[in-house]
Amino acid sequence: MKVKTQMEGDVAVVHVSGKLMGGPESENMRDEVKTLIEDGVKKFVINLHGVPWINSTGLGALMAVYTSVQRSEGALALCHVSDRIQSLFMITKLLTIFDTHPSEKEAVESFK
């Protein structure tokens, strides 16, 4: 799994690619967000365009990111959530927690 971040104004867009299956790879995503929080960033978009699948450990990693952002009084949105992952969010009731958007642009604009 790869993690790359770009800033869109005051919104950090974290691009994740590869399977989100937990382990050291998902720690990269959590560490990236924690570093950005320490740098004062409050608004985050996790772009899941390159993620074909998430297992339960990967869901835990996303929840850890969500919790870190919430504790810092920030906000998190997800974008490019595939139908397969969207179904997983519905089954686990995480759809009620995560703010999802079809595109990165819409996710970034949701903070305005």
PDB file of N, CA and C in Angstrom:
ATOM      1  N   MET A   1       0.831  -1.168   0.000  1.00  0.00           N
ATOM      2  CA  MET A   1       0.000   0.000   0.000  1.00  0.00           C
ATOM      3  C   MET A   1       0.883   1.240   0.000  1.00  0.00           C
ATOM      4  N   LYS A   2       0.488   2.223  -0.805  1.00  0.00           N
ATOM      5  CA  LYS A   2       1.231   3.477  -0.893  1.00  0.00           C
ATOM      6  C   LYS A   2       0.373   4.614  -0.373  1.00  0.00           C
ATOM      7  N   VAL A   3       1.032   5.595   0.244  1.00  0.00           N
ATOM      8  CA  VAL A   3       0.360   6.769   0.778  1.00  0.00           C
ATOM      9  C   VAL A   3       1.080   8.005   0.260  1.00  0.00           C
ATOM     10  N   LYS A   4       0.307   8.921  -0.317  1.00  0.00           N
ATOM     11  CA  LYS A   4       0.871  10.176  -0.825  1.00  0.00           C
ATOM     12  C   LYS A   4      -0.089  11.299  -0.451  1.00  0.00           C
ATOM     13  N   THR A   5       0.467  12.399   0.043  1.00  0.00           N
ATOM     14  CA  THR A   5      -0.376  13.510   0.487  1.00  0.00           C
ATOM     15  C   THR A   5      -0.098  14.762  -0.328  1.00  0.00           C
ATOM     16  N   GLN A   6      -1.163  15.491  -0.617  1.00  0.00           N
ATOM     17  CA  GLN A   6      -1.045  16.798  -1.251  1.00  0.00           C
ATOM     18  C   GLN A   6      -2.006  17.733  -0.536  1.00  0.00           C
ATOM     19  N   MET A   7      -1.650  18.998  -0.485  1.00  0.00           N
ATOM     20  CA  MET A   7      -2.509  19.995   0.150  1.00  0.00           C
ATOM     21  C   MET A   7      -3.346  20.699  -0.914  1.00  0.00           C
ATOM     22  N   GLU A   8      -4.616  20.811  -0.641  1.00  0.00           N
ATOM     23  CA  GLU A   8      -5.551  21.590  -1.469  1.00  0.00           C
ATOM     24  C   GLU A   8      -6.054  22.713  -0.571  1.00  0.00           C
ATOM     25  N   GLY A   9      -5.349  23.828  -0.576  1.00  0.00           N
ATOM     26  CA  GLY A   9      -5.664  24.904   0.367  1.00  0.00           C
ATOM     27  C   GLY A   9      -5.310  24.428   1.769  1.00  0.00           C
ATOM     28  N   ASP A  10      -6.305  24.429   2.655  1.00  0.00           N
ATOM     29  CA  ASP A  10      -6.058  23.961   4.022  1.00  0.00           C
ATOM     30  C   ASP A  10      -6.527  22.527   4.248  1.00  0.00           C
ATOM     31  N   VAL A  11      -6.799  21.802   3.164  1.00  0.00           N
ATOM     32  CA  VAL A  11      -7.258  20.412   3.242  1.00  0.00           C
ATOM     33  C   VAL A  11      -6.134  19.478   2.793  1.00  0.00           C
ATOM     34  N   ALA A  12      -5.805  18.512   3.647  1.00  0.00           N
ATOM     35  CA  ALA A  12      -4.815  17.501   3.286  1.00  0.00           C
ATOM     36  C   ALA A  12      -5.538  16.356   2.584  1.00  0.00           C
ATOM     37  N   VAL A  13      -5.141  16.080   1.343  1.00  0.00           N
ATOM     38  CA  VAL A  13      -5.720  14.973   0.586  1.00  0.00           C
ATOM     39  C   VAL A  13      -4.705  13.833   0.624  1.00  0.00           C
ATOM     40  N   VAL A  14      -5.101  12.743   1.278  1.00  0.00           N
ATOM     41  CA  VAL A  14      -4.229  11.590   1.438  1.00  0.00           C
ATOM     42  C   VAL A  14      -4.672  10.529   0.424  1.00  0.00           C
ATOM     43  N   HIS A  15      -3.819  10.297  -0.564  1.00  0.00           N
ATOM     44  CA  HIS A  15      -4.099   9.295  -1.595  1.00  0.00           C
ATOM     45  C   HIS A  15      -3.560   7.951  -1.122  1.00  0.00           C
ATOM     46  N   VAL A  16      -4.433   6.966  -1.058  1.00  0.00           N
ATOM     47  CA  VAL A  16      -4.049   5.630  -0.626  1.00  0.00           C
ATOM     48  C   VAL A  16      -4.238   4.701  -1.816  1.00  0.00           C
ATOM     49  N   SER A  17      -3.239   3.859  -2.070  1.00  0.00           N
ATOM     50  CA  SER A  17      -3.375   2.888  -3.163  1.00  0.00           C
ATOM     51  C   SER A  17      -2.872   1.531  -2.699  1.00  0.00           C
ATOM     52  N   GLY A  18      -3.513   0.492  -3.189  1.00  0.00           N
ATOM     53  CA  GLY A  18      -3.208  -0.878  -2.784  1.00  0.00           C
ATOM     54  C   GLY A  18      -4.258  -1.360  -1.799  1.00  0.00           C
ATOM     55  N   LYS A  19      -4.190  -2.630  -1.465  1.00  0.00           N
ATOM     56  CA  LYS A  19      -5.150  -3.199  -0.521  1.00  0.00           C
ATOM     57  C   LYS A  19      -4.877  -2.673   0.877  1.00  0.00           C
ATOM     58  N   LEU A  20      -5.950  -2.275   1.543  1.00  0.00           N
ATOM     59  CA  LEU A  20      -5.853  -1.772   2.912  1.00  0.00           C
ATOM     60  C   LEU A  20      -6.158  -2.951   3.837  1.00  0.00           C
ATOM     61  N   MET A  21      -5.078  -3.664   4.188  1.00  0.00           N
ATOM     62  CA  MET A  21      -5.230  -4.925   4.911  1.00  0.00           C
ATOM     63  C   MET A  21      -4.591  -4.897   6.291  1.00  0.00           C
ATOM     64  N   GLY A  22      -4.240  -3.720   6.785  1.00  0.00           N
ATOM     65  CA  GLY A  22      -3.598  -3.639   8.087  1.00  0.00           C
ATOM     66  C   GLY A  22      -2.101  -3.848   7.966  1.00  0.00           C
ATOM     67  N   GLY A  23      -1.466  -4.088   9.100  1.00  0.00           N
ATOM     68  CA  GLY A  23      -0.029  -4.291   9.104  1.00  0.00           C
ATOM     69  C   GLY A  23       0.729  -2.992   8.954  1.00  0.00           C
ATOM     70  N   PRO A  24       2.029  -3.098   8.665  1.00  0.00           N
ATOM     71  CA  PRO A  24       2.870  -1.906   8.583  1.00  0.00           C
ATOM     72  C   PRO A  24       2.415  -0.904   7.521  1.00  0.00           C
ATOM     73  N   GLU A  25       1.814  -1.411   6.447  1.00  0.00           N
ATOM     74  CA  GLU A  25       1.389  -0.512   5.378  1.00  0.00           C
ATOM     75  C   GLU A  25       0.315   0.463   5.865  1.00  0.00           C
ATOM     76  N   SER A  26      -0.655  -0.035   6.629  1.00  0.00           N
ATOM     77  CA  SER A  26      -1.712   0.863   7.092  1.00  0.00           C
ATOM     78  C   SER A  26      -1.196   1.815   8.162  1.00  0.00           C
ATOM     79  N   GLU A  27      -0.125   1.433   8.844  1.00  0.00           N
ATOM     80  CA  GLU A  27       0.486   2.343   9.810  1.00  0.00           C
ATOM     81  C   GLU A  27       1.050   3.573   9.104  1.00  0.00           C
ATOM     82  N   ASN A  28       1.479   3.418   7.856  1.00  0.00           N
ATOM     83  CA  ASN A  28       1.964   4.568   7.082  1.00  0.00           C
ATOM     84  C   ASN A  28       0.877   5.626   6.962  1.00  0.00           C
ATOM     85  N   MET A  29      -0.356   5.183   6.709  1.00  0.00           N
ATOM     86  CA  MET A  29      -1.470   6.110   6.576  1.00  0.00           C
ATOM     87  C   MET A  29      -1.733   6.802   7.915  1.00  0.00           C
ATOM     88  N   ARG A  30      -1.788   6.035   8.989  1.00  0.00           N
ATOM     89  CA  ARG A  30      -2.034   6.609  10.321  1.00  0.00           C
ATOM     90  C   ARG A  30      -0.925   7.579  10.709  1.00  0.00           C
ATOM     91  N   ASP A  31       0.329   7.182  10.459  1.00  0.00           N
ATOM     92  CA  ASP A  31       1.461   8.051  10.803  1.00  0.00           C
ATOM     93  C   ASP A  31       1.428   9.349  10.010  1.00  0.00           C
ATOM     94  N   GLU A  32       1.065   9.258   8.739  1.00  0.00           N
ATOM     95  CA  GLU A  32       0.990  10.454   7.883  1.00  0.00           C
ATOM     96  C   GLU A  32      -0.047  11.429   8.437  1.00  0.00           C
ATOM     97  N   VAL A  33      -1.213  10.917   8.791  1.00  0.00           N
ATOM     98  CA  VAL A  33      -2.272  11.776   9.323  1.00  0.00           C
ATOM     99  C   VAL A  33      -1.850  12.367  10.670  1.00  0.00           C
ATOM    100  N   LYS A  34      -1.239  11.553  11.531  1.00  0.00           N
ATOM    101  CA  LYS A  34      -0.797  12.065  12.834  1.00  0.00           C
ATOM    102  C   LYS A  34       0.237  13.178  12.678  1.00  0.00           C
ATOM    103  N   THR A  35       1.155  13.018  11.743  1.00  0.00           N
ATOM    104  CA  THR A  35       2.155  14.063  11.483  1.00  0.00           C
ATOM    105  C   THR A  35       1.488  15.346  11.011  1.00  0.00           C
ATOM    106  N   LEU A  36       0.520  15.219  10.123  1.00  0.00           N
ATOM    107  CA  LEU A  36      -0.202  16.392   9.629  1.00  0.00           C
ATOM    108  C   LEU A  36      -0.989  17.072  10.745  1.00  0.00           C
ATOM    109  N   ILE A  37      -1.572  16.279  11.633  1.00  0.00           N
ATOM    110  CA  ILE A  37      -2.297  16.846  12.783  1.00  0.00           C
ATOM    111  C   ILE A  37      -1.329  17.645  13.650  1.00  0.00           C
ATOM    112  N   GLU A  38      -0.145  17.074  13.885  1.00  0.00           N
ATOM    113  CA  GLU A  38       0.869  17.768  14.684  1.00  0.00           C
ATOM    114  C   GLU A  38       1.303  19.075  14.022  1.00  0.00           C
ATOM    115  N   ASP A  39       1.221  19.105  12.685  1.00  0.00           N
ATOM    116  CA  ASP A  39       1.570  20.321  11.936  1.00  0.00           C
ATOM    117  C   ASP A  39       0.416  21.318  11.874  1.00  0.00           C
ATOM    118  N   GLY A  40      -0.717  20.977  12.497  1.00  0.00           N
ATOM    119  CA  GLY A  40      -1.842  21.898  12.575  1.00  0.00           C
ATOM    120  C   GLY A  40      -2.935  21.708  11.550  1.00  0.00           C
ATOM    121  N   VAL A  41      -2.846  20.674  10.727  1.00  0.00           N
ATOM    122  CA  VAL A  41      -3.888  20.428   9.730  1.00  0.00           C
ATOM    123  C   VAL A  41      -5.141  19.897  10.443  1.00  0.00           C
ATOM    124  N   LYS A  42      -6.304  20.409  10.050  1.00  0.00           N
ATOM    125  CA  LYS A  42      -7.570  20.016  10.680  1.00  0.00           C
ATOM    126  C   LYS A  42      -8.550  19.343   9.721  1.00  0.00           C
ATOM    127  N   LYS A  43      -8.317  19.499   8.407  1.00  0.00           N
ATOM    128  CA  LYS A  43      -9.258  18.967   7.416  1.00  0.00           C
ATOM    129  C   LYS A  43      -8.554  17.930   6.562  1.00  0.00           C
ATOM    130  N   PHE A  44      -9.189  16.745   6.462  1.00  0.00           N
ATOM    131  CA  PHE A  44      -8.573  15.630   5.746  1.00  0.00           C
ATOM    132  C   PHE A  44      -9.557  14.975   4.787  1.00  0.00           C
ATOM    133  N   VAL A  45      -9.030  14.611   3.626  1.00  0.00           N
ATOM    134  CA  VAL A  45      -9.755  13.763   2.678  1.00  0.00           C
ATOM    135  C   VAL A  45      -8.883  12.541   2.450  1.00  0.00           C
ATOM    136  N   ILE A  46      -9.467  11.360   2.629  1.00  0.00           N
ATOM    137  CA  ILE A  46      -8.777  10.120   2.289  1.00  0.00           C
ATOM    138  C   ILE A  46      -9.333   9.678   0.948  1.00  0.00           C
ATOM    139  N   ASN A  47      -8.486   9.678  -0.083  1.00  0.00           N
ATOM    140  CA  ASN A  47      -8.886   9.284  -1.429  1.00  0.00           C
ATOM    141  C   ASN A  47      -8.607   7.798  -1.584  1.00  0.00           C
ATOM    142  N   LEU A  48      -9.677   7.014  -1.719  1.00  0.00           N
ATOM    143  CA  LEU A  48      -9.566   5.553  -1.808  1.00  0.00           C
ATOM    144  C   LEU A  48      -9.633   5.041  -3.248  1.00  0.00           C
ATOM    145  N   HIS A  49      -9.380   5.919  -4.208  1.00  0.00           N
ATOM    146  CA  HIS A  49      -9.479   5.528  -5.620  1.00  0.00           C
ATOM    147  C   HIS A  49      -8.629   4.307  -5.940  1.00  0.00           C
ATOM    148  N   GLY A  50      -7.442   4.214  -5.378  1.00  0.00           N
ATOM    149  CA  GLY A  50      -6.537   3.110  -5.689  1.00  0.00           C
ATOM    150  C   GLY A  50      -6.646   1.927  -4.744  1.00  0.00           C
ATOM    151  N   VAL A  51      -7.725   1.867  -3.950  1.00  0.00           N
ATOM    152  CA  VAL A  51      -7.887   0.777  -2.973  1.00  0.00           C
ATOM    153  C   VAL A  51      -8.965  -0.190  -3.465  1.00  0.00           C
ATOM    154  N   PRO A  52      -8.561  -1.397  -3.897  1.00  0.00           N
ATOM    155  CA  PRO A  52      -9.553  -2.350  -4.384  1.00  0.00           C
ATOM    156  C   PRO A  52     -10.307  -3.074  -3.266  1.00  0.00           C
ATOM    157  N   TRP A  53      -9.682  -3.179  -2.076  1.00  0.00           N
ATOM    158  CA  TRP A  53     -10.322  -3.935  -1.007  1.00  0.00           C
ATOM    159  C   TRP A  53      -9.798  -3.510   0.357  1.00  0.00           C
ATOM    160  N   ILE A  54     -10.679  -3.610   1.360  1.00  0.00           N
ATOM    161  CA  ILE A  54     -10.316  -3.337   2.753  1.00  0.00           C
ATOM    162  C   ILE A  54     -10.798  -4.523   3.584  1.00  0.00           C
ATOM    163  N   ASN A  55      -9.924  -5.051   4.446  1.00  0.00           N
ATOM    164  CA  ASN A  55     -10.372  -6.095   5.364  1.00  0.00           C
ATOM    165  C   ASN A  55     -10.687  -5.469   6.721  1.00  0.00           C
ATOM    166  N   SER A  56     -10.980  -6.289   7.728  1.00  0.00           N
ATOM    167  CA  SER A  56     -11.372  -5.759   9.036  1.00  0.00           C
ATOM    168  C   SER A  56     -10.241  -4.966   9.688  1.00  0.00           C
ATOM    169  N   THR A  57      -9.003  -5.385   9.487  1.00  0.00           N
ATOM    170  CA  THR A  57      -7.875  -4.644  10.051  1.00  0.00           C
ATOM    171  C   THR A  57      -7.733  -3.296   9.354  1.00  0.00           C
ATOM    172  N   GLY A  58      -7.969  -3.268   8.060  1.00  0.00           N
ATOM    173  CA  GLY A  58      -7.949  -2.010   7.321  1.00  0.00           C
ATOM    174  C   GLY A  58      -9.058  -1.071   7.771  1.00  0.00           C
ATOM    175  N   LEU A  59     -10.237  -1.640   8.074  1.00  0.00           N
ATOM    176  CA  LEU A  59     -11.323  -0.816   8.624  1.00  0.00           C
ATOM    177  C   LEU A  59     -10.903  -0.225   9.962  1.00  0.00           C
ATOM    178  N   GLY A  60     -10.202  -1.033  10.757  1.00  0.00           N
ATOM    179  CA  GLY A  60      -9.687  -0.542  12.036  1.00  0.00           C
ATOM    180  C   GLY A  60      -8.711   0.603  11.843  1.00  0.00           C
ATOM    181  N   ALA A  61      -7.884   0.515  10.807  1.00  0.00           N
ATOM    182  CA  ALA A  61      -6.925   1.589  10.510  1.00  0.00           C
ATOM    183  C   ALA A  61      -7.663   2.863  10.116  1.00  0.00           C
ATOM    184  N   LEU A  62      -8.713   2.746   9.307  1.00  0.00           N
ATOM    185  CA  LEU A  62      -9.511   3.921   8.943  1.00  0.00           C
ATOM    186  C   LEU A  62     -10.190   4.519  10.173  1.00  0.00           C
ATOM    187  N   MET A  63     -10.676   3.657  11.059  1.00  0.00           N
ATOM    188  CA  MET A  63     -11.308   4.141  12.293  1.00  0.00           C
ATOM    189  C   MET A  63     -10.283   4.845  13.179  1.00  0.00           C
ATOM    190  N   ALA A  64      -9.052   4.336  13.211  1.00  0.00           N
ATOM    191  CA  ALA A  64      -7.993   4.973  14.001  1.00  0.00           C
ATOM    192  C   ALA A  64      -7.699   6.371  13.457  1.00  0.00           C
ATOM    193  N   VAL A  65      -7.670   6.500  12.129  1.00  0.00           N
ATOM    194  CA  VAL A  65      -7.460   7.813  11.509  1.00  0.00           C
ATOM    195  C   VAL A  65      -8.628   8.731  11.860  1.00  0.00           C
ATOM    196  N   TYR A  66      -9.833   8.224  11.727  1.00  0.00           N
ATOM    197  CA  TYR A  66     -11.031   9.009  12.061  1.00  0.00           C
ATOM    198  C   TYR A  66     -10.968   9.501  13.510  1.00  0.00           C
ATOM    199  N   THR A  67     -10.613   8.605  14.427  1.00  0.00           N
ATOM    200  CA  THR A  67     -10.531   8.951  15.844  1.00  0.00           C
ATOM    201  C   THR A  67      -9.463  10.009  16.101  1.00  0.00           C
ATOM    202  N   SER A  68      -8.306   9.861  15.471  1.00  0.00           N
ATOM    203  CA  SER A  68      -7.236  10.853  15.630  1.00  0.00           C
ATOM    204  C   SER A  68      -7.686  12.230  15.152  1.00  0.00           C
ATOM    205  N   VAL A  69      -8.356  12.265  14.012  1.00  0.00           N
ATOM    206  CA  VAL A  69      -8.834  13.534  13.459  1.00  0.00           C
ATOM    207  C   VAL A  69      -9.896  14.138  14.377  1.00  0.00           C
ATOM    208  N   GLN A  70     -10.822  13.320  14.869  1.00  0.00           N
ATOM    209  CA  GLN A  70     -11.865  13.813  15.762  1.00  0.00           C
ATOM    210  C   GLN A  70     -11.281  14.366  17.055  1.00  0.00           C
ATOM    211  N   ARG A  71     -10.291  13.680  17.613  1.00  0.00           N
ATOM    212  CA  ARG A  71      -9.664  14.139  18.865  1.00  0.00           C
ATOM    213  C   ARG A  71      -8.947  15.475  18.685  1.00  0.00           C
ATOM    214  N   SER A  72      -8.498  15.743  17.470  1.00  0.00           N
ATOM    215  CA  SER A  72      -7.808  17.014  17.208  1.00  0.00           C
ATOM    216  C   SER A  72      -8.804  18.111  16.801  1.00  0.00           C
ATOM    217  N   GLU A  73     -10.100  17.788  16.939  1.00  0.00           N
ATOM    218  CA  GLU A  73     -11.184  18.701  16.561  1.00  0.00           C
ATOM    219  C   GLU A  73     -11.158  19.016  15.081  1.00  0.00           C
ATOM    220  N   GLY A  74     -10.754  18.020  14.289  1.00  0.00           N
ATOM    221  CA  GLY A  74     -10.716  18.157  12.846  1.00  0.00           C
ATOM    222  C   GLY A  74     -11.887  17.452  12.185  1.00  0.00           C
ATOM    223  N   ALA A  75     -11.820  17.358  10.866  1.00  0.00           N
ATOM    224  CA  ALA A  75     -12.880  16.725  10.090  1.00  0.00           C
ATOM    225  C   ALA A  75     -12.260  15.828   9.024  1.00  0.00           C
ATOM    226  N   LEU A  76     -12.960  14.740   8.718  1.00  0.00           N
ATOM    227  CA  LEU A  76     -12.474  13.751   7.759  1.00  0.00           C
ATOM    228  C   LEU A  76     -13.568  13.414   6.767  1.00  0.00           C
ATOM    229  N   ALA A  77     -13.190  13.338   5.504  1.00  0.00           N
ATOM    230  CA  ALA A  77     -14.102  12.883   4.455  1.00  0.00           C
ATOM    231  C   ALA A  77     -13.368  11.825   3.627  1.00  0.00           C
ATOM    232  N   LEU A  78     -14.123  10.915   3.048  1.00  0.00           N
ATOM    233  CA  LEU A  78     -13.565   9.900   2.157  1.00  0.00           C
ATOM    234  C   LEU A  78     -14.107  10.159   0.759  1.00  0.00           C
ATOM    235  N   CYS A  79     -13.301   9.814  -0.248  1.00  0.00           N
ATOM    236  CA  CYS A  79     -13.796   9.938  -1.614  1.00  0.00           C
ATOM    237  C   CYS A  79     -13.343   8.743  -2.448  1.00  0.00           C
ATOM    238  N   HIS A  80     -13.981   8.611  -3.589  1.00  0.00           N
ATOM    239  CA  HIS A  80     -13.726   7.511  -4.526  1.00  0.00           C
ATOM    240  C   HIS A  80     -13.833   6.153  -3.830  1.00  0.00           C
ATOM    241  N   VAL A  81     -14.908   5.994  -3.057  1.00  0.00           N
ATOM    242  CA  VAL A  81     -15.150   4.733  -2.368  1.00  0.00           C
ATOM    243  C   VAL A  81     -15.822   3.796  -3.367  1.00  0.00           C
ATOM    244  N   SER A  82     -15.184   2.670  -3.650  1.00  0.00           N
ATOM    245  CA  SER A  82     -15.742   1.728  -4.632  1.00  0.00           C
ATOM    246  C   SER A  82     -17.046   1.127  -4.104  1.00  0.00           C
ATOM    247  N   ASP A  83     -17.852   0.581  -5.014  1.00  0.00           N
ATOM    248  CA  ASP A  83     -19.108  -0.066  -4.621  1.00  0.00           C
ATOM    249  C   ASP A  83     -18.849  -1.193  -3.630  1.00  0.00           C
ATOM    250  N   ARG A  84     -17.781  -1.913  -3.855  1.00  0.00           N
ATOM    251  CA  ARG A  84     -17.435  -3.040  -2.987  1.00  0.00           C
ATOM    252  C   ARG A  84     -17.141  -2.560  -1.559  1.00  0.00           C
ATOM    253  N   ILE A  85     -16.370  -1.502  -1.443  1.00  0.00           N
ATOM    254  CA  ILE A  85     -16.039  -0.955  -0.126  1.00  0.00           C
ATOM    255  C   ILE A  85     -17.257  -0.261   0.471  1.00  0.00           C
ATOM    256  N   GLN A  86     -18.042   0.401  -0.345  1.00  0.00           N
ATOM    257  CA  GLN A  86     -19.283   1.036   0.125  1.00  0.00           C
ATOM    258  C   GLN A  86     -20.204  -0.017   0.743  1.00  0.00           C
ATOM    259  N   SER A  87     -20.292  -1.188   0.126  1.00  0.00           N
ATOM    260  CA  SER A  87     -21.112  -2.278   0.665  1.00  0.00           C
ATOM    261  C   SER A  87     -20.599  -2.718   2.030  1.00  0.00           C
ATOM    262  N   LEU A  88     -19.284  -2.793   2.155  1.00  0.00           N
ATOM    263  CA  LEU A  88     -18.670  -3.151   3.423  1.00  0.00           C
ATOM    264  C   LEU A  88     -19.004  -2.106   4.497  1.00  0.00           C
ATOM    265  N   PHE A  89     -18.980  -0.826   4.124  1.00  0.00           N
ATOM    266  CA  PHE A  89     -19.347   0.240   5.058  1.00  0.00           C
ATOM    267  C   PHE A  89     -20.813   0.107   5.482  1.00  0.00           C
ATOM    268  N   MET A  90     -21.688  -0.286   4.547  1.00  0.00           N
ATOM    269  CA  MET A  90     -23.106  -0.451   4.882  1.00  0.00           C
ATOM    270  C   MET A  90     -23.294  -1.615   5.847  1.00  0.00           C
ATOM    271  N   ILE A  91     -22.643  -2.725   5.572  1.00  0.00           N
ATOM    272  CA  ILE A  91     -22.771  -3.916   6.419  1.00  0.00           C
ATOM    273  C   ILE A  91     -22.290  -3.643   7.834  1.00  0.00           C
ATOM    274  N   THR A  92     -21.193  -2.913   7.957  1.00  0.00           N
ATOM    275  CA  THR A  92     -20.596  -2.641   9.265  1.00  0.00           C
ATOM    276  C   THR A  92     -21.168  -1.386   9.925  1.00  0.00           C
ATOM    277  N   LYS A  93     -22.119  -0.732   9.257  1.00  0.00           N
ATOM    278  CA  LYS A  93     -22.739   0.505   9.745  1.00  0.00           C
ATOM    279  C   LYS A  93     -21.756   1.681   9.822  1.00  0.00           C
ATOM    280  N   LEU A  94     -20.594   1.558   9.206  1.00  0.00           N
ATOM    281  CA  LEU A  94     -19.623   2.656   9.191  1.00  0.00           C
ATOM    282  C   LEU A  94     -20.032   3.754   8.228  1.00  0.00           C
ATOM    283  N   LEU A  95     -21.010   3.466   7.388  1.00  0.00           N
ATOM    284  CA  LEU A  95     -21.514   4.477   6.463  1.00  0.00           C
ATOM    285  C   LEU A  95     -22.135   5.640   7.242  1.00  0.00           C
ATOM    286  N   THR A  96     -22.607   5.359   8.459  1.00  0.00           N
ATOM    287  CA  THR A  96     -23.182   6.422   9.286  1.00  0.00           C
ATOM    288  C   THR A  96     -22.096   7.280   9.941  1.00  0.00           C
ATOM    289  N   ILE A  97     -20.856   6.797   9.949  1.00  0.00           N
ATOM    290  CA  ILE A  97     -19.747   7.522  10.570  1.00  0.00           C
ATOM    291  C   ILE A  97     -18.941   8.297   9.538  1.00  0.00           C
ATOM    292  N   PHE A  98     -18.621   7.637   8.426  1.00  0.00           N
ATOM    293  CA  PHE A  98     -17.771   8.260   7.418  1.00  0.00           C
ATOM    294  C   PHE A  98     -18.582   9.137   6.470  1.00  0.00           C
ATOM    295  N   ASP A  99     -18.056  10.321   6.209  1.00  0.00           N
ATOM    296  CA  ASP A  99     -18.621  11.249   5.241  1.00  0.00           C
ATOM    297  C   ASP A  99     -17.994  10.899   3.894  1.00  0.00           C
ATOM    298  N   THR A 100     -18.770  10.315   2.980  1.00  0.00           N
ATOM    299  CA  THR A 100     -18.211   9.867   1.702  1.00  0.00           C
ATOM    300  C   THR A 100     -18.705  10.745   0.557  1.00  0.00           C
ATOM    301  N   HIS A 101     -17.823  10.904  -0.441  1.00  0.00           N
ATOM    302  CA  HIS A 101     -18.125  11.715  -1.618  1.00  0.00           C
ATOM    303  C   HIS A 101     -17.643  10.977  -2.864  1.00  0.00           C
ATOM    304  N   PRO A 102     -18.334  11.180  -3.989  1.00  0.00           N
ATOM    305  CA  PRO A 102     -17.943  10.480  -5.213  1.00  0.00           C
ATOM    306  C   PRO A 102     -16.608  10.943  -5.797  1.00  0.00           C
ATOM    307  N   SER A 103     -16.251  12.218  -5.568  1.00  0.00           N
ATOM    308  CA  SER A 103     -15.018  12.721  -6.162  1.00  0.00           C
ATOM    309  C   SER A 103     -14.188  13.470  -5.125  1.00  0.00           C
ATOM    310  N   GLU A 104     -12.903  13.614  -5.435  1.00  0.00           N
ATOM    311  CA  GLU A 104     -12.003  14.358  -4.558  1.00  0.00           C
ATOM    312  C   GLU A 104     -12.434  15.825  -4.463  1.00  0.00           C
ATOM    313  N   LYS A 105     -12.811  16.379  -5.590  1.00  0.00           N
ATOM    314  CA  LYS A 105     -13.228  17.786  -5.631  1.00  0.00           C
ATOM    315  C   LYS A 105     -14.413  18.025  -4.697  1.00  0.00           C
ATOM    316  N   GLU A 106     -15.416  17.143  -4.763  1.00  0.00           N
ATOM    317  CA  GLU A 106     -16.589  17.286  -3.903  1.00  0.00           C
ATOM    318  C   GLU A 106     -16.223  17.120  -2.434  1.00  0.00           C
ATOM    319  N   ALA A 107     -15.317  16.205  -2.133  1.00  0.00           N
ATOM    320  CA  ALA A 107     -14.899  15.996  -0.756  1.00  0.00           C
ATOM    321  C   ALA A 107     -14.197  17.231  -0.207  1.00  0.00           C
ATOM    322  N   VAL A 108     -13.289  17.803  -1.001  1.00  0.00           N
ATOM    323  CA  VAL A 108     -12.576  19.007  -0.570  1.00  0.00           C
ATOM    324  C   VAL A 108     -13.558  20.158  -0.389  1.00  0.00           C
ATOM    325  N   GLU A 109     -14.491  20.309  -1.322  1.00  0.00           N
ATOM    326  CA  GLU A 109     -15.473  21.391  -1.237  1.00  0.00           C
ATOM    327  C   GLU A 109     -16.441  21.217  -0.076  1.00  0.00           C
ATOM    328  N   SER A 110     -16.594  20.009   0.440  1.00  0.00           N
ATOM    329  CA  SER A 110     -17.519  19.780   1.553  1.00  0.00           C
ATOM    330  C   SER A 110     -17.079  20.501   2.823  1.00  0.00           C
ATOM    331  N   PHE A 111     -15.826  20.936   2.891  1.00  0.00           N
ATOM    332  CA  PHE A 111     -15.329  21.636   4.068  1.00  0.00           C
ATOM    333  C   PHE A 111     -15.597  23.138   4.027  1.00  0.00           C
ATOM    334  N   LYS A 112     -16.125  23.635   2.922  1.00  0.00           N
ATOM    335  CA  LYS A 112     -16.385  25.067   2.794  1.00  0.00           C
ATOM    336  C   LYS A 112     -17.718  25.431   3.401  1.00  0.00           C
TER     337      LYS A 112
END
